[in-house]
Amino acid sequence: MNPSSRKAAALIRNRRRAGQLVKTFGHRPRSLATYTLAASSMDRRAAEGCANSMRTVVKALGIEGVRGTTTRTIEGPAKEQPTTRYTRAQVHQIATKYAPRKPEYKAIRAALLALTA
């Protein structure tokens, strides 16, 4: 496989994953990182940073999500990691109160508001 084919395959794979995430948002709660990852078109670094800064808004608003664990297998052996999941309405409420300064976080916020409306 040549480099251009690998890039094209990765682009298609990321678009498909983003579409699959968006379809499941109405069915069950997801973590903030998952919502921001889908809203940022799979830009992982920006999505994680935005989710981390949104957690301060969650604390200020006093929103309680559903606590649970997830199995992470991306880096190294599988391990249980605690996580908090939020419904679509809760994420919309968090995104309306969130006031980012970075332009990429502002774009993610706008996409989140559109995604959760």
PDB file of N, CA and C in Angstrom:
ATOM      1  N   MET A   1       0.853  -1.178   0.000  1.00  0.00           N
ATOM      2  CA  MET A   1       0.000   0.000   0.000  1.00  0.00           C
ATOM      3  C   MET A   1       0.893   1.233   0.000  1.00  0.00           C
ATOM      4  N   ASN A   2       0.653   2.129  -0.918  1.00  0.00           N
ATOM      5  CA  ASN A   2       1.476   3.332  -0.985  1.00  0.00           C
ATOM      6  C   ASN A   2       0.965   4.394   0.005  1.00  0.00           C
ATOM      7  N   PRO A   3       1.783   5.412   0.283  1.00  0.00           N
ATOM      8  CA  PRO A   3       1.402   6.411   1.306  1.00  0.00           C
ATOM      9  C   PRO A   3       0.090   7.128   1.035  1.00  0.00           C
ATOM     10  N   SER A   4      -0.203   7.439  -0.223  1.00  0.00           N
ATOM     11  CA  SER A   4      -1.458   8.141  -0.501  1.00  0.00           C
ATOM     12  C   SER A   4      -2.672   7.241  -0.247  1.00  0.00           C
ATOM     13  N   SER A   5      -2.524   5.964  -0.505  1.00  0.00           N
ATOM     14  CA  SER A   5      -3.618   5.034  -0.215  1.00  0.00           C
ATOM     15  C   SER A   5      -3.850   4.911   1.284  1.00  0.00           C
ATOM     16  N   ARG A   6      -2.761   4.901   2.060  1.00  0.00           N
ATOM     17  CA  ARG A   6      -2.900   4.820   3.517  1.00  0.00           C
ATOM     18  C   ARG A   6      -3.598   6.051   4.068  1.00  0.00           C
ATOM     19  N   LYS A   7      -3.241   7.227   3.538  1.00  0.00           N
ATOM     20  CA  LYS A   7      -3.889   8.462   3.995  1.00  0.00           C
ATOM     21  C   LYS A   7      -5.372   8.470   3.652  1.00  0.00           C
ATOM     22  N   ALA A   8      -5.697   8.021   2.443  1.00  0.00           N
ATOM     23  CA  ALA A   8      -7.097   7.981   2.026  1.00  0.00           C
ATOM     24  C   ALA A   8      -7.887   6.983   2.872  1.00  0.00           C
ATOM     25  N   ALA A   9      -7.296   5.835   3.153  1.00  0.00           N
ATOM     26  CA  ALA A   9      -7.972   4.830   3.976  1.00  0.00           C
ATOM     27  C   ALA A   9      -8.186   5.343   5.394  1.00  0.00           C
ATOM     28  N   ALA A  10      -7.197   6.051   5.943  1.00  0.00           N
ATOM     29  CA  ALA A  10      -7.326   6.609   7.292  1.00  0.00           C
ATOM     30  C   ALA A  10      -8.405   7.685   7.325  1.00  0.00           C
ATOM     31  N   LEU A  11      -8.486   8.507   6.308  1.00  0.00           N
ATOM     32  CA  LEU A  11      -9.505   9.550   6.235  1.00  0.00           C
ATOM     33  C   LEU A  11     -10.904   8.942   6.201  1.00  0.00           C
ATOM     34  N   ILE A  12     -11.084   7.922   5.376  1.00  0.00           N
ATOM     35  CA  ILE A  12     -12.389   7.254   5.284  1.00  0.00           C
ATOM     36  C   ILE A  12     -12.738   6.582   6.606  1.00  0.00           C
ATOM     37  N   ARG A  13     -11.765   5.928   7.220  1.00  0.00           N
ATOM     38  CA  ARG A  13     -11.993   5.250   8.496  1.00  0.00           C
ATOM     39  C   ARG A  13     -12.404   6.248   9.584  1.00  0.00           C
ATOM     40  N   ASN A  14     -11.733   7.386   9.657  1.00  0.00           N
ATOM     41  CA  ASN A  14     -12.070   8.401  10.664  1.00  0.00           C
ATOM     42  C   ASN A  14     -13.445   9.002  10.427  1.00  0.00           C
ATOM     43  N   ARG A  15     -13.809   9.229   9.170  1.00  0.00           N
ATOM     44  CA  ARG A  15     -15.142   9.759   8.870  1.00  0.00           C
ATOM     45  C   ARG A  15     -16.233   8.758   9.246  1.00  0.00           C
ATOM     46  N   ARG A  16     -15.983   7.481   8.982  1.00  0.00           N
ATOM     47  CA  ARG A  16     -16.941   6.446   9.324  1.00  0.00           C
ATOM     48  C   ARG A  16     -17.114   6.350  10.841  1.00  0.00           C
ATOM     49  N   ARG A  17     -16.026   6.410  11.583  1.00  0.00           N
ATOM     50  CA  ARG A  17     -16.102   6.353  13.044  1.00  0.00           C
ATOM     51  C   ARG A  17     -16.869   7.539  13.604  1.00  0.00           C
ATOM     52  N   ALA A  18     -16.626   8.729  13.051  1.00  0.00           N
ATOM     53  CA  ALA A  18     -17.340   9.912  13.521  1.00  0.00           C
ATOM     54  C   ALA A  18     -18.835   9.771  13.263  1.00  0.00           C
ATOM     55  N   GLY A  19     -19.190   9.249  12.113  1.00  0.00           N
ATOM     56  CA  GLY A  19     -20.600   9.043  11.803  1.00  0.00           C
ATOM     57  C   GLY A  19     -21.252   8.028  12.716  1.00  0.00           C
ATOM     58  N   GLN A  20     -20.523   6.962  13.052  1.00  0.00           N
ATOM     59  CA  GLN A  20     -21.062   5.946  13.952  1.00  0.00           C
ATOM     60  C   GLN A  20     -21.271   6.519  15.352  1.00  0.00           C
ATOM     61  N   LEU A  21     -20.357   7.364  15.813  1.00  0.00           N
ATOM     62  CA  LEU A  21     -20.501   7.984  17.126  1.00  0.00           C
ATOM     63  C   LEU A  21     -21.739   8.868  17.174  1.00  0.00           C
ATOM     64  N   VAL A  22     -21.931   9.675  16.150  1.00  0.00           N
ATOM     65  CA  VAL A  22     -23.062  10.598  16.113  1.00  0.00           C
ATOM     66  C   VAL A  22     -24.382   9.835  16.142  1.00  0.00           C
ATOM     67  N   LYS A  23     -24.448   8.691  15.477  1.00  0.00           N
ATOM     68  CA  LYS A  23     -25.678   7.903  15.453  1.00  0.00           C
ATOM     69  C   LYS A  23     -26.059   7.388  16.833  1.00  0.00           C
ATOM     70  N   THR A  24     -25.076   7.077  17.671  1.00  0.00           N
ATOM     71  CA  THR A  24     -25.376   6.469  18.967  1.00  0.00           C
ATOM     72  C   THR A  24     -25.596   7.479  20.081  1.00  0.00           C
ATOM     73  N   PHE A  25     -25.448   8.774  19.841  1.00  0.00           N
ATOM     74  CA  PHE A  25     -25.600   9.765  20.906  1.00  0.00           C
ATOM     75  C   PHE A  25     -27.011   9.810  21.467  1.00  0.00           C
ATOM     76  N   GLY A  26     -28.005   9.560  20.655  1.00  0.00           N
ATOM     77  CA  GLY A  26     -29.376   9.598  21.137  1.00  0.00           C
ATOM     78  C   GLY A  26     -29.770   8.369  21.933  1.00  0.00           C
ATOM     79  N   HIS A  27     -29.036   7.293  21.787  1.00  0.00           N
ATOM     80  CA  HIS A  27     -29.393   6.026  22.424  1.00  0.00           C
ATOM     81  C   HIS A  27     -28.869   5.883  23.845  1.00  0.00           C
ATOM     82  N   ARG A  28     -27.649   6.351  24.087  1.00  0.00           N
ATOM     83  CA  ARG A  28     -27.055   6.149  25.406  1.00  0.00           C
ATOM     84  C   ARG A  28     -26.086   7.279  25.727  1.00  0.00           C
ATOM     85  N   PRO A  29     -25.851   7.495  27.021  1.00  0.00           N
ATOM     86  CA  PRO A  29     -24.904   8.551  27.421  1.00  0.00           C
ATOM     87  C   PRO A  29     -23.478   8.216  26.987  1.00  0.00           C
ATOM     88  N   ARG A  30     -22.712   9.248  26.722  1.00  0.00           N
ATOM     89  CA  ARG A  30     -21.302   9.111  26.335  1.00  0.00           C
ATOM     90  C   ARG A  30     -20.470  10.063  27.174  1.00  0.00           C
ATOM     91  N   SER A  31     -19.152   9.887  27.160  1.00  0.00           N
ATOM     92  CA  SER A  31     -18.268  10.770  27.908  1.00  0.00           C
ATOM     93  C   SER A  31     -18.088  12.089  27.153  1.00  0.00           C
ATOM     94  N   LEU A  32     -17.618  13.101  27.865  1.00  0.00           N
ATOM     95  CA  LEU A  32     -17.374  14.401  27.222  1.00  0.00           C
ATOM     96  C   LEU A  32     -16.332  14.273  26.124  1.00  0.00           C
ATOM     97  N   ALA A  33     -15.318  13.455  26.367  1.00  0.00           N
ATOM     98  CA  ALA A  33     -14.273  13.280  25.360  1.00  0.00           C
ATOM     99  C   ALA A  33     -14.835  12.673  24.080  1.00  0.00           C
ATOM    100  N   THR A  34     -15.786  11.773  24.205  1.00  0.00           N
ATOM    101  CA  THR A  34     -16.393  11.161  23.029  1.00  0.00           C
ATOM    102  C   THR A  34     -17.206  12.183  22.245  1.00  0.00           C
ATOM    103  N   TYR A  35     -17.977  12.993  22.948  1.00  0.00           N
ATOM    104  CA  TYR A  35     -18.745  14.042  22.268  1.00  0.00           C
ATOM    105  C   TYR A  35     -17.814  15.021  21.544  1.00  0.00           C
ATOM    106  N   THR A  36     -16.771  15.477  22.224  1.00  0.00           N
ATOM    107  CA  THR A  36     -15.867  16.442  21.587  1.00  0.00           C
ATOM    108  C   THR A  36     -15.075  15.806  20.460  1.00  0.00           C
ATOM    109  N   LEU A  37     -14.771  14.525  20.583  1.00  0.00           N
ATOM    110  CA  LEU A  37     -14.050  13.827  19.523  1.00  0.00           C
ATOM    111  C   LEU A  37     -14.891  13.758  18.257  1.00  0.00           C
ATOM    112  N   ALA A  38     -16.160  13.485  18.402  1.00  0.00           N
ATOM    113  CA  ALA A  38     -17.048  13.442  17.237  1.00  0.00           C
ATOM    114  C   ALA A  38     -17.265  14.838  16.659  1.00  0.00           C
ATOM    115  N   ALA A  39     -17.318  15.852  17.527  1.00  0.00           N
ATOM    116  CA  ALA A  39     -17.548  17.217  17.055  1.00  0.00           C
ATOM    117  C   ALA A  39     -16.315  17.817  16.382  1.00  0.00           C
ATOM    118  N   SER A  40     -15.128  17.339  16.753  1.00  0.00           N
ATOM    119  CA  SER A  40     -13.904  17.916  16.198  1.00  0.00           C
ATOM    120  C   SER A  40     -13.409  17.181  14.967  1.00  0.00           C
ATOM    121  N   SER A  41     -14.227  16.330  14.390  1.00  0.00           N
ATOM    122  CA  SER A  41     -13.854  15.550  13.198  1.00  0.00           C
ATOM    123  C   SER A  41     -12.615  14.707  13.465  1.00  0.00           C
ATOM    124  N   MET A  42     -12.589  14.088  14.645  1.00  0.00           N
ATOM    125  CA  MET A  42     -11.567  13.123  15.041  1.00  0.00           C
ATOM    126  C   MET A  42     -10.181  13.728  15.255  1.00  0.00           C
ATOM    127  N   ASP A  43     -10.074  15.012  15.589  1.00  0.00           N
ATOM    128  CA  ASP A  43      -8.810  15.606  15.984  1.00  0.00           C
ATOM    129  C   ASP A  43      -8.645  15.348  17.484  1.00  0.00           C
ATOM    130  N   ARG A  44      -7.933  14.286  17.818  1.00  0.00           N
ATOM    131  CA  ARG A  44      -7.889  13.763  19.178  1.00  0.00           C
ATOM    132  C   ARG A  44      -7.297  14.752  20.181  1.00  0.00           C
ATOM    133  N   ARG A  45      -6.228  15.406  19.828  1.00  0.00           N
ATOM    134  CA  ARG A  45      -5.550  16.317  20.762  1.00  0.00           C
ATOM    135  C   ARG A  45      -6.442  17.494  21.144  1.00  0.00           C
ATOM    136  N   ALA A  46      -7.058  18.115  20.163  1.00  0.00           N
ATOM    137  CA  ALA A  46      -7.954  19.247  20.441  1.00  0.00           C
ATOM    138  C   ALA A  46      -9.190  18.784  21.206  1.00  0.00           C
ATOM    139  N   ALA A  47      -9.708  17.612  20.873  1.00  0.00           N
ATOM    140  CA  ALA A  47     -10.897  17.094  21.544  1.00  0.00           C
ATOM    141  C   ALA A  47     -10.632  16.817  23.018  1.00  0.00           C
ATOM    142  N   GLU A  48      -9.484  16.227  23.329  1.00  0.00           N
ATOM    143  CA  GLU A  48      -9.149  15.932  24.718  1.00  0.00           C
ATOM    144  C   GLU A  48      -8.951  17.209  25.521  1.00  0.00           C
ATOM    145  N   GLY A  49      -8.293  18.198  24.930  1.00  0.00           N
ATOM    146  CA  GLY A  49      -8.089  19.474  25.618  1.00  0.00           C
ATOM    147  C   GLY A  49      -9.396  20.195  25.889  1.00  0.00           C
ATOM    148  N   CYS A  50     -10.284  20.166  24.915  1.00  0.00           N
ATOM    149  CA  CYS A  50     -11.585  20.810  25.076  1.00  0.00           C
ATOM    150  C   CYS A  50     -12.418  20.088  26.133  1.00  0.00           C
ATOM    151  N   ALA A  51     -12.384  18.772  26.138  1.00  0.00           N
ATOM    152  CA  ALA A  51     -13.132  18.001  27.137  1.00  0.00           C
ATOM    153  C   ALA A  51     -12.606  18.274  28.537  1.00  0.00           C
ATOM    154  N   ASN A  52     -11.298  18.378  28.676  1.00  0.00           N
ATOM    155  CA  ASN A  52     -10.719  18.672  29.987  1.00  0.00           C
ATOM    156  C   ASN A  52     -11.150  20.042  30.490  1.00  0.00           C
ATOM    157  N   SER A  53     -11.182  21.025  29.615  1.00  0.00           N
ATOM    158  CA  SER A  53     -11.595  22.361  30.054  1.00  0.00           C
ATOM    159  C   SER A  53     -13.104  22.424  30.301  1.00  0.00           C
ATOM    160  N   MET A  54     -13.881  21.582  29.638  1.00  0.00           N
ATOM    161  CA  MET A  54     -15.327  21.556  29.872  1.00  0.00           C
ATOM    162  C   MET A  54     -15.671  20.926  31.222  1.00  0.00           C
ATOM    163  N   ARG A  55     -14.789  20.111  31.739  1.00  0.00           N
ATOM    164  CA  ARG A  55     -15.048  19.481  33.038  1.00  0.00           C
ATOM    165  C   ARG A  55     -15.119  20.507  34.162  1.00  0.00           C
ATOM    166  N   THR A  56     -14.453  21.639  34.018  1.00  0.00           N
ATOM    167  CA  THR A  56     -14.557  22.697  35.024  1.00  0.00           C
ATOM    168  C   THR A  56     -15.961  23.303  35.011  1.00  0.00           C
ATOM    169  N   VAL A  57     -16.568  23.385  33.829  1.00  0.00           N
ATOM    170  CA  VAL A  57     -17.940  23.889  33.716  1.00  0.00           C
ATOM    171  C   VAL A  57     -18.905  22.902  34.364  1.00  0.00           C
ATOM    172  N   VAL A  58     -18.627  21.611  34.198  1.00  0.00           N
ATOM    173  CA  VAL A  58     -19.471  20.580  34.806  1.00  0.00           C
ATOM    174  C   VAL A  58     -19.462  20.740  36.327  1.00  0.00           C
ATOM    175  N   LYS A  59     -18.285  20.967  36.903  1.00  0.00           N
ATOM    176  CA  LYS A  59     -18.180  21.151  38.347  1.00  0.00           C
ATOM    177  C   LYS A  59     -18.926  22.400  38.793  1.00  0.00           C
ATOM    178  N   ALA A  60     -18.794  23.481  38.031  1.00  0.00           N
ATOM    179  CA  ALA A  60     -19.459  24.729  38.395  1.00  0.00           C
ATOM    180  C   ALA A  60     -20.980  24.599  38.325  1.00  0.00           C
ATOM    181  N   LEU A  61     -21.485  23.877  37.335  1.00  0.00           N
ATOM    182  CA  LEU A  61     -22.927  23.693  37.185  1.00  0.00           C
ATOM    183  C   LEU A  61     -23.474  22.622  38.123  1.00  0.00           C
ATOM    184  N   GLY A  62     -22.607  21.756  38.615  1.00  0.00           N
ATOM    185  CA  GLY A  62     -23.047  20.686  39.499  1.00  0.00           C
ATOM    186  C   GLY A  62     -23.803  19.575  38.787  1.00  0.00           C
ATOM    187  N   ILE A  63     -23.466  19.331  37.548  1.00  0.00           N
ATOM    188  CA  ILE A  63     -24.136  18.297  36.769  1.00  0.00           C
ATOM    189  C   ILE A  63     -23.568  16.931  37.149  1.00  0.00           C
ATOM    190  N   GLU A  64     -24.463  16.004  37.431  1.00  0.00           N
ATOM    191  CA  GLU A  64     -24.069  14.636  37.778  1.00  0.00           C
ATOM    192  C   GLU A  64     -24.311  13.735  36.576  1.00  0.00           C
ATOM    193  N   GLY A  65     -23.261  13.132  36.089  1.00  0.00           N
ATOM    194  CA  GLY A  65     -23.405  12.177  35.001  1.00  0.00           C
ATOM    195  C   GLY A  65     -23.516  10.767  35.548  1.00  0.00           C
ATOM    196  N   VAL A  66     -23.631   9.810  34.668  1.00  0.00           N
ATOM    197  CA  VAL A  66     -23.685   8.405  35.048  1.00  0.00           C
ATOM    198  C   VAL A  66     -22.253   7.907  35.178  1.00  0.00           C
ATOM    199  N   ARG A  67     -21.912   7.437  36.361  1.00  0.00           N
ATOM    200  CA  ARG A  67     -20.553   6.943  36.581  1.00  0.00           C
ATOM    201  C   ARG A  67     -20.464   5.478  36.188  1.00  0.00           C
ATOM    202  N   GLY A  68     -19.314   5.123  35.628  1.00  0.00           N
ATOM    203  CA  GLY A  68     -19.091   3.748  35.226  1.00  0.00           C
ATOM    204  C   GLY A  68     -17.623   3.516  34.946  1.00  0.00           C
ATOM    205  N   THR A  69     -17.306   2.386  34.358  1.00  0.00           N
ATOM    206  CA  THR A  69     -15.934   2.089  33.977  1.00  0.00           C
ATOM    207  C   THR A  69     -15.906   1.708  32.512  1.00  0.00           C
ATOM    208  N   THR A  70     -14.760   1.890  31.921  1.00  0.00           N
ATOM    209  CA  THR A  70     -14.553   1.503  30.537  1.00  0.00           C
ATOM    210  C   THR A  70     -13.242   0.751  30.450  1.00  0.00           C
ATOM    211  N   THR A  71     -13.120  -0.122  29.491  1.00  0.00           N
ATOM    212  CA  THR A  71     -11.893  -0.881  29.298  1.00  0.00           C
ATOM    213  C   THR A  71     -11.089  -0.225  28.198  1.00  0.00           C
ATOM    214  N   ARG A  72      -9.900   0.238  28.544  1.00  0.00           N
ATOM    215  CA  ARG A  72      -9.017   0.884  27.574  1.00  0.00           C
ATOM    216  C   ARG A  72      -8.007  -0.127  27.070  1.00  0.00           C
ATOM    217  N   THR A  73      -7.926  -0.286  25.775  1.00  0.00           N
ATOM    218  CA  THR A  73      -6.970  -1.222  25.193  1.00  0.00           C
ATOM    219  C   THR A  73      -6.066  -0.548  24.179  1.00  0.00           C
ATOM    220  N   ILE A  74      -6.133   0.784  24.080  1.00  0.00           N
ATOM    221  CA  ILE A  74      -5.365   1.492  23.055  1.00  0.00           C
ATOM    222  C   ILE A  74      -3.869   1.403  23.336  1.00  0.00           C
ATOM    223  N   GLU A  75      -3.479   1.696  24.551  1.00  0.00           N
ATOM    224  CA  GLU A  75      -2.062   1.706  24.901  1.00  0.00           C
ATOM    225  C   GLU A  75      -1.782   0.607  25.918  1.00  0.00           C
ATOM    226  N   GLY A  76      -1.110  -0.438  25.479  1.00  0.00           N
ATOM    227  CA  GLY A  76      -0.732  -1.503  26.395  1.00  0.00           C
ATOM    228  C   GLY A  76      -1.872  -2.462  26.689  1.00  0.00           C
ATOM    229  N   PRO A  77      -1.757  -3.178  27.804  1.00  0.00           N
ATOM    230  CA  PRO A  77      -2.789  -4.165  28.140  1.00  0.00           C
ATOM    231  C   PRO A  77      -4.101  -3.507  28.553  1.00  0.00           C
ATOM    232  N   ALA A  78      -5.174  -4.274  28.463  1.00  0.00           N
ATOM    233  CA  ALA A  78      -6.491  -3.761  28.817  1.00  0.00           C
ATOM    234  C   ALA A  78      -6.549  -3.441  30.302  1.00  0.00           C
ATOM    235  N   LYS A  79      -7.186  -2.297  30.628  1.00  0.00           N
ATOM    236  CA  LYS A  79      -7.334  -1.925  32.031  1.00  0.00           C
ATOM    237  C   LYS A  79      -8.643  -1.184  32.208  1.00  0.00           C
ATOM    238  N   GLU A  80      -9.241  -1.337  33.368  1.00  0.00           N
ATOM    239  CA  GLU A  80     -10.480  -0.647  33.691  1.00  0.00           C
ATOM    240  C   GLU A  80     -10.166   0.791  34.089  1.00  0.00           C
ATOM    241  N   GLN A  81     -10.929   1.730  33.564  1.00  0.00           N
ATOM    242  CA  GLN A  81     -10.730   3.139  33.850  1.00  0.00           C
ATOM    243  C   GLN A  81     -12.082   3.759  34.195  1.00  0.00           C
ATOM    244  N   PRO A  82     -12.157   4.488  35.327  1.00  0.00           N
ATOM    245  CA  PRO A  82     -13.432   5.119  35.673  1.00  0.00           C
ATOM    246  C   PRO A  82     -13.770   6.249  34.699  1.00  0.00           C
ATOM    247  N   THR A  83     -15.047   6.390  34.399  1.00  0.00           N
ATOM    248  CA  THR A  83     -15.485   7.435  33.478  1.00  0.00           C
ATOM    249  C   THR A  83     -16.869   7.921  33.883  1.00  0.00           C
ATOM    250  N   THR A  84     -17.196   9.119  33.450  1.00  0.00           N
ATOM    251  CA  THR A  84     -18.521   9.686  33.684  1.00  0.00           C
ATOM    252  C   THR A  84     -19.149   9.967  32.332  1.00  0.00           C
ATOM    253  N   ARG A  85     -20.372   9.499  32.160  1.00  0.00           N
ATOM    254  CA  ARG A  85     -21.072   9.675  30.884  1.00  0.00           C
ATOM    255  C   ARG A  85     -22.220  10.662  31.053  1.00  0.00           C
ATOM    256  N   TYR A  86     -22.455  11.448  30.009  1.00  0.00           N
ATOM    257  CA  TYR A  86     -23.478  12.490  30.044  1.00  0.00           C
ATOM    258  C   TYR A  86     -24.457  12.295  28.908  1.00  0.00           C
ATOM    259  N   THR A  87     -25.703  12.679  29.148  1.00  0.00           N
ATOM    260  CA  THR A  87     -26.716  12.599  28.104  1.00  0.00           C
ATOM    261  C   THR A  87     -26.540  13.754  27.134  1.00  0.00           C
ATOM    262  N   ARG A  88     -27.263  13.680  26.068  1.00  0.00           N
ATOM    263  CA  ARG A  88     -27.206  14.727  25.043  1.00  0.00           C
ATOM    264  C   ARG A  88     -27.654  16.077  25.597  1.00  0.00           C
ATOM    265  N   ALA A  89     -28.708  16.082  26.386  1.00  0.00           N
ATOM    266  CA  ALA A  89     -29.220  17.327  26.968  1.00  0.00           C
ATOM    267  C   ALA A  89     -28.213  17.928  27.950  1.00  0.00           C
ATOM    268  N   GLN A  90     -27.552  17.087  28.720  1.00  0.00           N
ATOM    269  CA  GLN A  90     -26.552  17.583  29.663  1.00  0.00           C
ATOM    270  C   GLN A  90     -25.371  18.204  28.927  1.00  0.00           C
ATOM    271  N   VAL A  91     -24.932  17.569  27.857  1.00  0.00           N
ATOM    272  CA  VAL A  91     -23.810  18.110  27.075  1.00  0.00           C
ATOM    273  C   VAL A  91     -24.206  19.428  26.431  1.00  0.00           C
ATOM    274  N   HIS A  92     -25.445  19.549  25.980  1.00  0.00           N
ATOM    275  CA  HIS A  92     -25.909  20.815  25.412  1.00  0.00           C
ATOM    276  C   HIS A  92     -25.890  21.916  26.469  1.00  0.00           C
ATOM    277  N   GLN A  93     -26.310  21.587  27.679  1.00  0.00           N
ATOM    278  CA  GLN A  93     -26.295  22.549  28.775  1.00  0.00           C
ATOM    279  C   GLN A  93     -24.861  22.956  29.117  1.00  0.00           C
ATOM    280  N   ILE A  94     -23.946  22.004  29.132  1.00  0.00           N
ATOM    281  CA  ILE A  94     -22.536  22.294  29.417  1.00  0.00           C
ATOM    282  C   ILE A  94     -21.945  23.170  28.323  1.00  0.00           C
ATOM    283  N   ALA A  95     -22.245  22.847  27.067  1.00  0.00           N
ATOM    284  CA  ALA A  95     -21.679  23.597  25.938  1.00  0.00           C
ATOM    285  C   ALA A  95     -22.197  25.037  25.890  1.00  0.00           C
ATOM    286  N   THR A  96     -23.445  25.269  26.331  1.00  0.00           N
ATOM    287  CA  THR A  96     -23.964  26.639  26.314  1.00  0.00           C
ATOM    288  C   THR A  96     -23.257  27.513  27.351  1.00  0.00           C
ATOM    289  N   LYS A  97     -22.858  26.933  28.468  1.00  0.00           N
ATOM    290  CA  LYS A  97     -22.166  27.701  29.513  1.00  0.00           C
ATOM    291  C   LYS A  97     -20.666  27.793  29.287  1.00  0.00           C
ATOM    292  N   TYR A  98     -20.128  26.943  28.436  1.00  0.00           N
ATOM    293  CA  TYR A  98     -18.690  26.886  28.179  1.00  0.00           C
ATOM    294  C   TYR A  98     -18.270  28.066  27.307  1.00  0.00           C
ATOM    295  N   ALA A  99     -17.259  28.805  27.750  1.00  0.00           N
ATOM    296  CA  ALA A  99     -16.771  29.974  27.003  1.00  0.00           C
ATOM    297  C   ALA A  99     -15.280  29.816  26.714  1.00  0.00           C
ATOM    298  N   PRO A 100     -14.934  29.117  25.631  1.00  0.00           N
ATOM    299  CA  PRO A 100     -13.519  28.886  25.321  1.00  0.00           C
ATOM    300  C   PRO A 100     -12.843  30.120  24.735  1.00  0.00           C
ATOM    301  N   ARG A 101     -11.520  30.136  24.825  1.00  0.00           N
ATOM    302  CA  ARG A 101     -10.738  31.231  24.237  1.00  0.00           C
ATOM    303  C   ARG A 101     -10.030  30.802  22.961  1.00  0.00           C
ATOM    304  N   LYS A 102      -9.580  29.569  22.910  1.00  0.00           N
ATOM    305  CA  LYS A 102      -8.863  29.089  21.725  1.00  0.00           C
ATOM    306  C   LYS A 102      -9.818  28.964  20.538  1.00  0.00           C
ATOM    307  N   PRO A 103      -9.381  29.351  19.353  1.00  0.00           N
ATOM    308  CA  PRO A 103     -10.254  29.256  18.175  1.00  0.00           C
ATOM    309  C   PRO A 103     -10.701  27.820  17.874  1.00  0.00           C
ATOM    310  N   GLU A 104      -9.805  26.835  18.067  1.00  0.00           N
ATOM    311  CA  GLU A 104     -10.209  25.452  17.780  1.00  0.00           C
ATOM    312  C   GLU A 104     -11.238  24.948  18.787  1.00  0.00           C
ATOM    313  N   TYR A 105     -11.160  25.401  20.033  1.00  0.00           N
ATOM    314  CA  TYR A 105     -12.152  25.023  21.036  1.00  0.00           C
ATOM    315  C   TYR A 105     -13.491  25.709  20.751  1.00  0.00           C
ATOM    316  N   LYS A 106     -13.436  26.934  20.227  1.00  0.00           N
ATOM    317  CA  LYS A 106     -14.668  27.620  19.843  1.00  0.00           C
ATOM    318  C   LYS A 106     -15.379  26.871  18.718  1.00  0.00           C
ATOM    319  N   ALA A 107     -14.590  26.343  17.784  1.00  0.00           N
ATOM    320  CA  ALA A 107     -15.168  25.569  16.683  1.00  0.00           C
ATOM    321  C   ALA A 107     -15.787  24.273  17.205  1.00  0.00           C
ATOM    322  N   ILE A 108     -15.124  23.629  18.167  1.00  0.00           N
ATOM    323  CA  ILE A 108     -15.667  22.399  18.751  1.00  0.00           C
ATOM    324  C   ILE A 108     -16.952  22.707  19.506  1.00  0.00           C
ATOM    325  N   ARG A 109     -16.979  23.826  20.228  1.00  0.00           N
ATOM    326  CA  ARG A 109     -18.181  24.220  20.973  1.00  0.00           C
ATOM    327  C   ARG A 109     -19.348  24.431  20.016  1.00  0.00           C
ATOM    328  N   ALA A 110     -19.105  25.132  18.921  1.00  0.00           N
ATOM    329  CA  ALA A 110     -20.157  25.362  17.929  1.00  0.00           C
ATOM    330  C   ALA A 110     -20.667  24.046  17.347  1.00  0.00           C
ATOM    331  N   ALA A 111     -19.746  23.150  17.064  1.00  0.00           N
ATOM    332  CA  ALA A 111     -20.138  21.828  16.523  1.00  0.00           C
ATOM    333  C   ALA A 111     -20.913  21.032  17.577  1.00  0.00           C
ATOM    334  N   LEU A 112     -20.510  21.137  18.850  1.00  0.00           N
ATOM    335  CA  LEU A 112     -21.230  20.447  19.918  1.00  0.00           C
ATOM    336  C   LEU A 112     -22.655  20.967  20.063  1.00  0.00           C
ATOM    337  N   LEU A 113     -22.815  22.272  19.980  1.00  0.00           N
ATOM    338  CA  LEU A 113     -24.154  22.851  20.088  1.00  0.00           C
ATOM    339  C   LEU A 113     -25.034  22.376  18.935  1.00  0.00           C
ATOM    340  N   ALA A 114     -24.470  22.283  17.741  1.00  0.00           N
ATOM    341  CA  ALA A 114     -25.230  21.794  16.594  1.00  0.00           C
ATOM    342  C   ALA A 114     -25.537  20.299  16.735  1.00  0.00           C
ATOM    343  N   LEU A 115     -24.564  19.565  17.278  1.00  0.00           N
ATOM    344  CA  LEU A 115     -24.701  18.121  17.420  1.00  0.00           C
ATOM    345  C   LEU A 115     -25.735  17.723  18.468  1.00  0.00           C
ATOM    346  N   THR A 116     -25.837  18.513  19.527  1.00  0.00           N
ATOM    347  CA  THR A 116     -26.716  18.157  20.630  1.00  0.00           C
ATOM    348  C   THR A 116     -28.054  18.896  20.606  1.00  0.00           C
ATOM    349  N   ALA A 117     -28.263  19.736  19.623  1.00  0.00           N
ATOM    350  CA  ALA A 117     -29.517  20.509  19.538  1.00  0.00           C
ATOM    351  C   ALA A 117     -30.707  19.628  19.248  1.00  0.00           C
TER     352      ALA A 117
END
